[in-house]
Protein backbone atom coordinates (compact mmCIF):
# COMPACT_ATOMS: atom_id res chain seq x y z
CA MET A 1 148.80 117.27 174.24
CA ALA A 2 151.09 115.10 172.18
CA GLU A 3 154.64 116.73 170.99
CA ILE A 4 155.44 115.13 167.83
CA LEU A 5 159.07 116.13 166.78
CA PRO A 6 161.06 114.80 163.91
CA PHE A 7 164.98 113.53 164.42
CA ARG A 8 168.04 112.40 162.97
CA ALA A 9 168.07 108.72 162.54
CA TYR A 10 170.52 106.73 162.56
CA ARG A 11 169.97 103.95 159.43
CA TYR A 12 171.62 101.14 157.91
CA ASP A 13 174.09 102.18 155.04
CA THR A 14 172.28 99.90 152.07
CA ASN A 15 175.42 100.26 150.26
CA ARG A 16 177.29 98.37 152.48
CA VAL A 17 174.17 95.90 153.58
CA ALA A 18 170.85 94.60 152.38
CA LEU A 19 168.20 95.15 154.59
CA GLU A 20 166.75 91.50 154.71
CA ASP A 21 170.03 90.76 156.21
CA VAL A 22 170.48 92.93 159.24
CA LEU A 23 166.49 93.85 160.27
CA THR A 24 164.65 92.11 162.72
CA GLN A 25 161.10 91.60 164.30
CA PRO A 26 160.84 93.12 167.52
CA TYR A 27 162.51 91.11 170.52
CA ASP A 28 159.67 89.77 172.08
CA LYS A 29 158.93 87.89 168.93
CA ILE A 30 161.79 86.39 168.06
CA SER A 31 161.95 82.59 168.69
CA PRO A 32 165.13 80.75 169.49
CA ALA A 33 165.23 79.29 165.80
CA MET A 34 164.85 83.03 164.37
CA GLN A 35 167.94 84.10 166.83
CA GLU A 36 170.15 81.74 165.13
CA ARG A 37 168.94 82.28 161.54
CA TYR A 38 169.16 86.18 162.08
CA TYR A 39 173.07 85.41 163.31
CA ALA A 40 173.77 83.19 160.46
CA ALA A 41 172.42 85.96 158.18
CA SER A 42 175.16 88.79 158.90
CA PRO A 43 177.79 90.04 161.26
CA TYR A 44 175.83 92.79 161.47
CA ASN A 45 172.23 91.69 162.26
CA LEU A 46 170.62 93.71 164.45
CA ILE A 47 169.60 90.46 166.58
CA SER A 48 173.23 91.10 168.74
CA VAL A 49 171.31 94.04 169.94
CA GLU A 50 167.73 93.14 169.67
CA LYS A 51 168.04 89.90 171.45
CA GLY A 52 171.72 88.84 171.87
CA ARG A 53 173.20 85.75 173.15
CA THR A 54 173.44 85.45 176.91
CA LEU A 55 176.18 83.06 177.65
CA ALA A 56 177.12 81.22 180.95
CA SER A 57 180.15 82.97 181.16
CA ASP A 58 178.21 86.65 181.35
CA SER A 59 179.58 89.32 183.97
CA ALA A 60 178.32 92.91 184.88
CA ASP A 61 181.55 94.30 182.63
CA ASP A 62 180.92 91.40 179.45
CA SER A 63 177.34 90.41 179.42
CA VAL A 64 174.56 90.51 176.57
CA TYR A 65 173.97 94.05 177.23
CA THR A 66 177.36 95.41 176.97
CA ARG A 67 178.35 93.08 174.04
CA ALA A 68 175.14 95.14 172.84
CA ALA A 69 176.67 98.62 172.98
CA ALA A 70 179.73 97.85 171.64
CA LYS A 71 178.40 96.37 168.62
CA VAL A 72 175.97 99.66 168.17
CA ASP A 73 179.48 101.87 168.89
CA GLU A 74 181.30 99.61 166.29
CA TRP A 75 178.58 99.90 163.50
CA ILE A 76 178.37 103.86 163.88
CA ALA A 77 182.48 103.86 163.61
CA ASP A 78 182.46 101.55 160.60
CA LYS A 79 179.68 103.69 159.04
CA ILE A 80 177.08 100.04 158.92
CA LEU A 81 175.11 102.82 160.78
CA VAL A 82 174.82 106.20 159.63
CA GLN A 83 172.92 109.40 161.29
CA ASP A 84 170.67 111.21 158.51
CA LEU A 85 171.71 115.00 158.19
CA GLN A 86 168.56 116.46 158.80
CA PRO A 87 165.94 116.41 161.13
CA SER A 88 163.14 114.05 159.89
CA VAL A 89 159.46 112.11 160.17
CA TYR A 90 159.89 108.61 158.04
CA VAL A 91 156.82 107.32 156.10
CA TYR A 92 156.79 103.91 157.00
CA ALA A 93 154.26 101.20 154.99
CA GLN A 94 153.59 97.80 154.77
CA GLU A 95 152.04 95.86 152.20
CA PHE A 96 150.76 92.17 153.31
CA LEU A 97 148.64 89.38 153.15
CA ILE A 98 146.04 88.74 156.04
CA PRO A 99 147.36 85.36 157.69
CA GLY A 100 145.33 82.69 155.94
CA THR A 101 143.14 84.64 153.64
CA HIS A 102 144.10 86.28 150.09
CA THR A 103 143.16 89.72 151.30
CA ARG A 104 145.99 92.27 150.70
CA ARG A 105 146.40 95.55 152.87
CA ILE A 106 148.76 97.97 153.01
CA ARG A 107 149.07 99.86 156.68
CA ILE A 108 150.87 103.38 156.42
CA GLY A 109 151.95 105.50 158.83
CA PHE A 110 155.02 107.55 160.24
CA VAL A 111 158.02 107.30 162.54
CA ALA A 112 158.72 110.19 164.90
CA LEU A 113 159.75 111.42 168.26
CA LEU A 114 157.08 111.27 170.65
CA ARG A 115 157.63 113.56 174.02
CA LEU A 116 157.14 110.57 177.14
CA GLU A 117 154.07 111.50 179.38
CA ASP A 118 153.15 109.71 182.58
CA TYR A 119 149.84 108.20 182.01
CA ASP A 120 148.05 110.44 184.54
CA LYS A 121 148.96 113.43 182.08
CA ARG A 122 146.21 111.47 180.14
CA VAL A 123 147.87 111.89 176.80
CA VAL A 124 149.69 108.65 176.16
CA PHE A 125 146.65 105.67 176.97
CA ARG A 126 147.78 102.05 177.59
CA HIS A 127 145.57 98.80 176.84
CA GLU A 128 147.10 96.31 178.73
CA ARG A 129 149.57 96.04 182.17
CA THR A 130 153.09 94.74 181.80
CA LEU A 131 155.46 92.75 183.35
CA SER A 132 158.63 93.35 185.09
CA ALA A 133 160.91 90.56 183.80
CA PRO A 134 160.61 92.60 180.29
CA LYS A 135 160.89 96.04 181.56
CA ALA A 136 164.12 95.11 183.44
CA ASP A 137 165.94 93.37 180.58
CA ARG A 138 164.95 96.22 178.03
CA ILE A 139 166.21 98.91 180.77
CA GLU A 140 169.21 97.54 181.06
CA LEU A 141 169.67 97.21 177.48
CA LEU A 142 169.04 101.10 176.72
CA ARG A 143 171.34 102.12 179.78
CA GLN A 144 174.05 100.50 177.98
CA THR A 145 173.51 101.30 174.01
CA HIS A 146 171.50 104.89 174.48
CA ALA A 147 169.92 103.27 171.45
CA GLN A 148 166.29 102.50 171.02
CA THR A 149 166.00 99.89 168.15
CA GLY A 150 162.67 99.10 167.98
CA GLN A 151 159.49 100.75 167.27
CA LEU A 152 156.39 101.86 169.70
CA PHE A 153 153.17 101.05 168.24
CA MET A 154 151.02 104.38 168.92
CA LEU A 155 147.33 104.73 167.56
CA TYR A 156 145.74 107.94 166.77
CA GLU A 157 142.31 108.76 166.11
CA ASP A 158 141.56 111.22 162.73
CA SER A 159 138.52 110.11 160.90
CA SER A 160 139.38 112.89 158.03
CA LYS A 161 142.21 110.94 157.27
CA LYS A 162 143.96 114.22 156.88
CA ILE A 163 147.72 112.98 157.68
CA ASP A 164 146.63 109.74 155.63
CA THR A 165 146.47 111.89 152.44
CA TRP A 166 149.86 113.39 153.20
CA LEU A 167 151.32 110.55 153.98
CA GLU A 168 150.03 108.43 150.88
CA GLN A 169 151.06 111.68 149.01
CA ILE A 170 154.94 110.98 149.62
CA ALA A 171 154.21 107.43 148.81
CA ARG A 172 152.87 107.79 145.57
CA THR A 173 156.20 110.62 144.71
CA ARG A 174 158.95 109.84 146.31
CA GLN A 175 161.64 106.68 146.28
CA SER A 176 161.37 104.89 149.22
CA ILE A 177 164.00 101.73 150.60
CA GLU A 178 162.26 98.53 150.59
CA MET A 179 162.67 95.35 151.82
CA THR A 180 160.47 91.88 152.30
CA ASP A 181 160.81 89.90 155.45
CA GLU A 182 160.35 86.52 156.24
CA PHE A 183 156.71 86.56 156.56
CA GLY A 184 156.03 88.01 153.13
CA VAL A 185 155.55 91.47 154.52
CA THR A 186 157.18 94.25 152.22
CA HIS A 187 157.84 97.24 154.32
CA ARG A 188 158.44 100.63 152.62
CA LEU A 189 160.29 103.86 154.23
CA TRP A 190 160.39 107.65 153.06
CA SER A 191 162.66 110.10 154.69
CA VAL A 192 160.91 113.70 155.14
CA SER A 193 162.51 116.38 156.30
CA ASP A 194 161.06 119.14 154.81
CA PRO A 195 160.29 121.68 157.52
CA ASP A 196 156.64 122.37 156.11
CA PHE A 197 155.42 118.59 156.23
CA VAL A 198 157.10 118.19 159.17
CA GLU A 199 155.12 121.18 160.29
CA GLN A 200 152.07 120.03 159.43
CA ILE A 201 152.33 117.05 160.80
CA HIS A 202 153.67 118.51 164.28
CA LEU A 203 150.73 120.97 164.37
CA ALA A 204 147.95 117.91 163.15
CA MET A 205 148.98 115.49 166.05
CA ALA A 206 148.71 118.57 168.76
CA ASP A 207 145.20 117.51 170.25
CA LYS A 208 145.63 113.60 169.35
CA SER A 209 145.29 111.39 172.19
CA LEU A 210 147.27 108.05 171.39
CA VAL A 211 146.94 104.58 172.66
CA ILE A 212 149.67 102.20 172.85
CA ALA A 213 148.89 99.42 170.62
CA ASP A 214 152.01 97.21 170.91
CA GLY A 215 155.18 98.17 172.94
CA HIS A 216 153.57 98.90 176.49
CA HIS A 217 156.89 97.63 177.92
CA ARG A 218 159.13 99.63 175.28
CA TYR A 219 156.98 102.37 176.39
CA GLU A 220 157.36 101.86 180.24
CA THR A 221 160.84 101.27 180.04
CA ALA A 222 161.57 104.41 177.99
CA LEU A 223 160.00 106.21 181.14
CA ALA A 224 162.03 104.68 183.56
CA TYR A 225 165.00 105.94 181.74
CA ARG A 226 163.67 109.34 181.53
CA ASN A 227 163.11 109.53 185.21
CA GLU A 228 166.75 108.12 185.83
CA CYS A 229 168.18 110.97 183.56
CA ARG A 230 166.46 113.20 185.56
CA GLU A 231 167.58 111.80 188.78
CA ARG A 232 171.06 111.75 187.72
CA THR A 233 171.41 115.46 185.80
CA GLY A 234 169.25 116.81 188.99
CA LYS A 235 166.68 118.58 186.47
CA ALA A 236 163.95 118.07 183.86
CA ASP A 237 165.54 119.15 180.56
CA PRO A 238 162.55 119.18 178.13
CA SER A 239 164.93 119.06 175.49
CA ALA A 240 167.06 116.15 176.28
CA PRO A 241 166.73 113.42 174.17
CA SER A 242 166.18 111.27 177.18
CA GLU A 243 162.78 112.92 177.33
CA PHE A 244 161.46 111.66 173.78
CA ALA A 245 160.82 107.82 172.62
CA MET A 246 160.66 106.72 168.98
CA ALA A 247 157.21 105.70 167.46
CA THR A 248 155.26 104.73 164.49
CA PHE A 249 151.92 106.34 164.67
CA ILE A 250 149.13 104.69 162.62
CA ASN A 251 145.39 106.41 162.17
CA THR A 252 142.38 103.92 163.41
CA HIS A 253 140.41 104.66 160.56
CA SER A 254 143.52 103.48 158.35
CA ARG A 255 142.09 100.89 155.56
CA GLY A 256 145.36 98.48 156.15
CA LEU A 257 145.00 98.48 160.05
CA THR A 258 144.38 95.07 161.26
CA ILE A 259 143.78 93.12 164.67
CA LEU A 260 144.19 89.14 164.98
CA ALA A 261 142.73 87.03 167.36
CA THR A 262 144.66 85.17 170.07
CA HIS A 263 143.47 82.08 170.41
CA ARG A 264 143.91 79.74 174.03
CA LEU A 265 144.60 76.14 174.39
CA VAL A 266 143.92 74.44 177.58
CA LEU A 267 146.43 71.77 178.10
CA LYS A 268 144.50 69.59 180.48
CA LEU A 269 140.98 69.52 181.14
CA PRO A 270 140.04 69.41 184.99
CA GLY A 271 137.46 67.65 186.50
CA SER A 272 135.07 65.48 184.50
CA GLY A 273 135.98 66.31 180.81
CA PHE A 274 134.13 68.64 178.01
CA ASP A 275 130.85 67.81 179.08
CA SER A 276 131.25 68.63 182.90
CA LEU A 277 132.74 72.36 181.15
CA ARG A 278 129.14 72.49 179.09
CA ASP A 279 127.33 71.77 181.92
CA SER A 280 128.94 74.36 184.71
CA ILE A 281 128.35 77.32 181.96
CA SER A 282 125.10 76.49 181.19
CA PRO A 283 124.10 79.66 182.81
CA TYR A 284 125.56 81.90 180.91
CA PHE A 285 125.88 80.02 177.50
CA ASN A 286 123.89 78.58 174.70
CA TRP A 287 125.84 75.91 172.65
CA TYR A 288 125.22 74.67 169.40
CA SER A 289 127.31 71.74 167.95
CA TYR A 290 128.62 71.18 164.52
CA PRO A 291 129.61 67.26 164.49
CA PHE A 292 131.39 64.98 161.92
CA ALA A 293 132.60 60.97 161.73
CA SER A 294 135.24 61.43 158.87
CA LEU A 295 137.74 64.03 157.16
CA GLU A 296 135.01 64.97 154.65
CA GLU A 297 132.32 65.94 156.97
CA ARG A 298 134.85 67.55 159.19
CA ALA A 299 135.68 70.24 156.13
CA ALA A 300 131.73 70.58 155.77
CA ALA A 301 131.66 71.13 159.80
CA TYR A 302 134.38 73.15 159.78
CA ASP A 303 133.30 76.03 157.28
CA GLU A 304 129.41 75.98 158.57
CA PHE A 305 131.02 76.55 161.78
CA ARG A 306 133.67 79.50 160.76
CA LYS A 307 130.62 81.39 159.38
CA ASP A 308 128.46 81.08 162.27
CA MET A 309 131.33 82.37 164.25
CA GLU A 310 132.45 85.23 162.43
CA ARG A 311 128.47 86.16 161.52
CA SER A 312 127.68 86.23 164.96
CA ASN A 313 130.37 88.43 165.90
CA HIS A 314 128.19 91.28 164.95
CA SER A 315 125.14 90.53 167.15
CA ARG A 316 126.13 87.78 169.96
CA HIS A 317 129.03 87.16 171.97
CA VAL A 318 130.18 83.89 170.72
CA VAL A 319 133.25 81.71 171.61
CA GLY A 320 134.47 78.90 169.26
CA VAL A 321 135.11 75.39 171.38
CA TYR A 322 137.42 72.29 169.60
CA PRO A 323 137.61 69.76 172.44
CA ARG A 324 139.19 66.81 172.09
CA SER A 325 136.96 64.13 171.61
CA ALA A 326 136.96 61.41 174.37
CA LYS A 327 135.26 58.39 171.91
CA ALA A 328 136.03 58.15 168.49
CA GLY A 329 133.28 59.57 165.88
CA ALA A 330 132.07 62.11 168.37
CA ASN A 331 134.17 64.65 167.00
CA ALA A 332 132.48 67.90 166.96
CA PHE A 333 132.92 72.11 166.62
CA TYR A 334 130.77 73.59 169.13
CA LEU A 335 129.78 77.92 169.44
CA PHE A 336 129.43 78.69 172.67
CA ALA A 337 126.80 81.49 172.32
CA LEU A 338 126.21 84.13 175.16
CA LYS A 339 122.70 83.97 176.45
CA ARG A 340 120.22 87.26 175.00
CA GLU A 341 118.97 87.18 178.75
CA ALA A 342 122.46 87.17 180.25
CA ASP A 343 123.11 89.75 183.00
CA LEU A 344 126.75 90.10 183.03
CA GLU A 345 126.23 92.86 185.41
CA ASP A 346 125.06 90.37 187.52
CA PHE A 347 127.81 87.79 186.56
CA LEU A 348 130.88 90.17 186.60
CA PRO A 349 130.06 92.72 188.95
CA ASP A 350 133.78 93.75 189.12
CA ILE A 351 134.61 94.48 185.46
CA PRO A 352 134.02 97.91 184.29
CA GLU A 353 130.87 97.92 181.79
CA GLY A 354 133.58 98.59 178.31
CA ASP A 355 135.27 95.31 179.51
CA ARG A 356 132.33 92.68 179.74
CA GLU A 357 131.60 93.91 175.90
CA LEU A 358 134.62 91.88 175.17
CA ASP A 359 134.18 88.20 174.19
CA VAL A 360 138.01 87.40 175.35
CA VAL A 361 136.63 88.69 179.05
CA LEU A 362 134.16 87.05 178.75
CA LEU A 363 136.34 83.63 178.12
CA HIS A 364 138.52 84.05 180.69
CA ARG A 365 136.06 85.29 183.60
CA LEU A 366 132.92 82.68 182.94
CA ILE A 367 134.75 79.83 181.09
CA LEU A 368 138.30 79.41 182.13
CA GLU A 369 137.96 81.04 185.47
CA LYS A 370 134.30 79.64 186.25
CA GLY A 371 133.76 76.70 184.40
CA LEU A 372 137.82 75.50 184.78
CA GLY A 373 138.84 77.00 187.79
CA LEU A 374 141.78 78.32 185.90
CA THR A 375 142.31 81.38 188.11
CA ALA A 376 143.54 84.67 186.99
CA GLU A 377 146.88 84.13 188.34
CA ALA A 378 147.12 80.62 186.91
CA VAL A 379 146.38 82.07 183.36
CA ALA A 380 148.87 85.11 183.96
CA ALA A 381 151.19 82.53 184.91
CA GLU A 382 150.74 80.51 181.51
CA ARG A 383 149.78 77.38 183.97
CA ASN A 384 147.86 74.95 181.72
CA LEU A 385 147.08 77.35 178.98
CA ALA A 386 148.99 77.67 175.36
CA TYR A 387 148.29 80.82 172.86
CA GLU A 388 148.30 80.17 168.91
CA ARG A 389 147.45 83.13 166.85
CA GLU A 390 146.69 80.49 163.88
CA ILE A 391 143.37 78.90 164.30
CA GLU A 392 144.69 76.17 162.24
CA SER A 393 147.78 75.72 164.53
CA ALA A 394 145.23 75.75 167.35
CA LEU A 395 143.07 73.17 165.84
CA ALA A 396 145.98 70.77 165.34
CA ALA A 397 147.36 71.14 168.65
CA VAL A 398 144.14 69.48 169.98
CA ASP A 399 144.54 66.83 166.86
CA LYS A 400 147.61 66.02 167.75
CA GLY A 401 146.96 65.97 171.46
CA ALA A 402 149.08 68.89 172.58
CA ALA A 403 146.24 70.05 174.05
CA GLU A 404 142.76 68.86 175.18
CA ILE A 405 140.87 71.97 174.13
CA ALA A 406 141.24 74.96 171.84
CA PHE A 407 138.91 78.22 172.70
CA LEU A 408 138.67 80.70 169.51
CA LEU A 409 137.66 84.13 169.21
CA ASN A 410 136.69 86.80 167.20
CA PRO A 411 139.46 89.95 166.55
CA VAL A 412 138.45 92.61 169.24
CA GLY A 413 138.15 95.84 167.03
CA VAL A 414 139.72 98.95 167.41
CA GLU A 415 136.79 101.27 168.30
CA GLN A 416 136.86 98.44 171.30
CA VAL A 417 140.40 98.88 172.11
CA MET A 418 140.10 102.77 172.15
CA LYS A 419 137.23 103.16 174.07
CA ILE A 420 138.71 101.07 176.91
CA ALA A 421 142.28 102.54 176.88
CA LEU A 422 140.65 105.98 176.61
CA GLY A 423 138.74 104.90 179.51
CA GLY A 424 141.37 103.52 181.80
CA GLY A 425 141.14 100.13 181.43
CA VAL A 426 143.11 97.36 180.90
CA MET A 427 142.55 94.07 178.67
CA PRO A 428 143.70 90.98 179.41
CA GLN A 429 146.99 89.69 178.08
CA LYS A 430 147.43 88.85 174.70
CA SER A 431 143.71 90.21 173.66
CA THR A 432 145.09 92.08 170.66
CA ASP A 433 147.57 91.02 167.85
CA PHE A 434 148.38 94.07 165.40
CA TYR A 435 149.34 93.04 162.28
CA PRO A 436 152.00 92.87 160.68
CA LYS A 437 154.54 93.92 163.14
CA LEU A 438 156.83 96.90 163.01
CA LEU A 439 160.59 96.09 161.94
CA SER A 440 163.13 96.95 164.48
CA GLY A 441 166.39 98.84 163.37
CA LEU A 442 164.56 100.18 160.18
CA VAL A 443 165.64 103.38 162.31
CA ILE A 444 167.59 103.58 165.40
CA TYR A 445 167.36 106.37 168.25
CA ARG A 446 170.11 107.52 170.04
CA THR A 447 169.19 108.90 173.50
CA ASP A 448 172.79 110.15 174.26
CA GLY A 449 172.64 113.39 172.16
């Protein structure tokens, strides 16, 4: 049973600062260039907390974590961050263009507290495994700041869209705070403290199973911190702030829910190159080529290739392939299409049935592993492998010689994510890219009461 509660968030005082100057993308999406840009934007930019600079002189008493804690306390004391007077649920909408298209969408959800539950309680489900280094970083930050600045992104199923209807009613009738981020995404937030509305949300969510879309490391960090607090006090106080985490909840049936693909780049082809790869995967895939010899032909070949790739997504497992040409005039895009007679249970006996339906699993196990000899350990360590969200960037990496081959994927469907997660399975790293990301610092939850 999911327990959803309102809370008194700390928020930036928009009379003192502009949200565009102080909010950031989630910590794991902040590049070094973004970090520097955030630092330059405002002395109150959340970057000092979300992903501060490390210094050569760092020590236990003066570190990126202790400096973050000092910033939080300073901003609260100076009323840069102000706590809401009433416990609230926060309606959160994002308006955006799907990257590389002219399609505009609005995704709406709500921010509230979620009672933390171990996975074996079967209330919260994951769809990815986590790594130890990010969790060690996040828990030390939480220990020092007692603040959750980034949001968990939780999925729930509500085919009736009852909750969405309530949220949209708030969005139509009340004034929001608003900002547009560096990716052109407009973020709007409404604070709702009405007891009837809060109770409606609480009751409607009670029977929902929740799947983590983004924030697996943050969720497991919150669990670990909760357990530390229980051990320190010698009891599990169900009302303790550490028993909860801040999350944004999005309906899987939301019109704005968008998942992008993450494409793979192999930096150096082992063995005899592309022809050898094509031969080695012939037991599993048929292949189709879209050759071109000039820029004009390339555009036509690419259009046909993309249409076939996207069309095949509804009926066949396909992987797009763009290899670096070994000789002039021999350029082509390729589609590797799983053979209709392929017996995946025979090829991948150790993979659960639901996972075998994922193109990304077939790419990793049949092409990268069996075709190229890239082991799961090498993939996890990103040895000889890189990732790109934009197809054009992946193709450009091959054209510039930064990669030998690009493997292109169609997006995973949310139904597949939910089926695998609720069935107890996990997907390969970077299988899903829920777009856009939830801003950090829009609302902040203090875990010290």
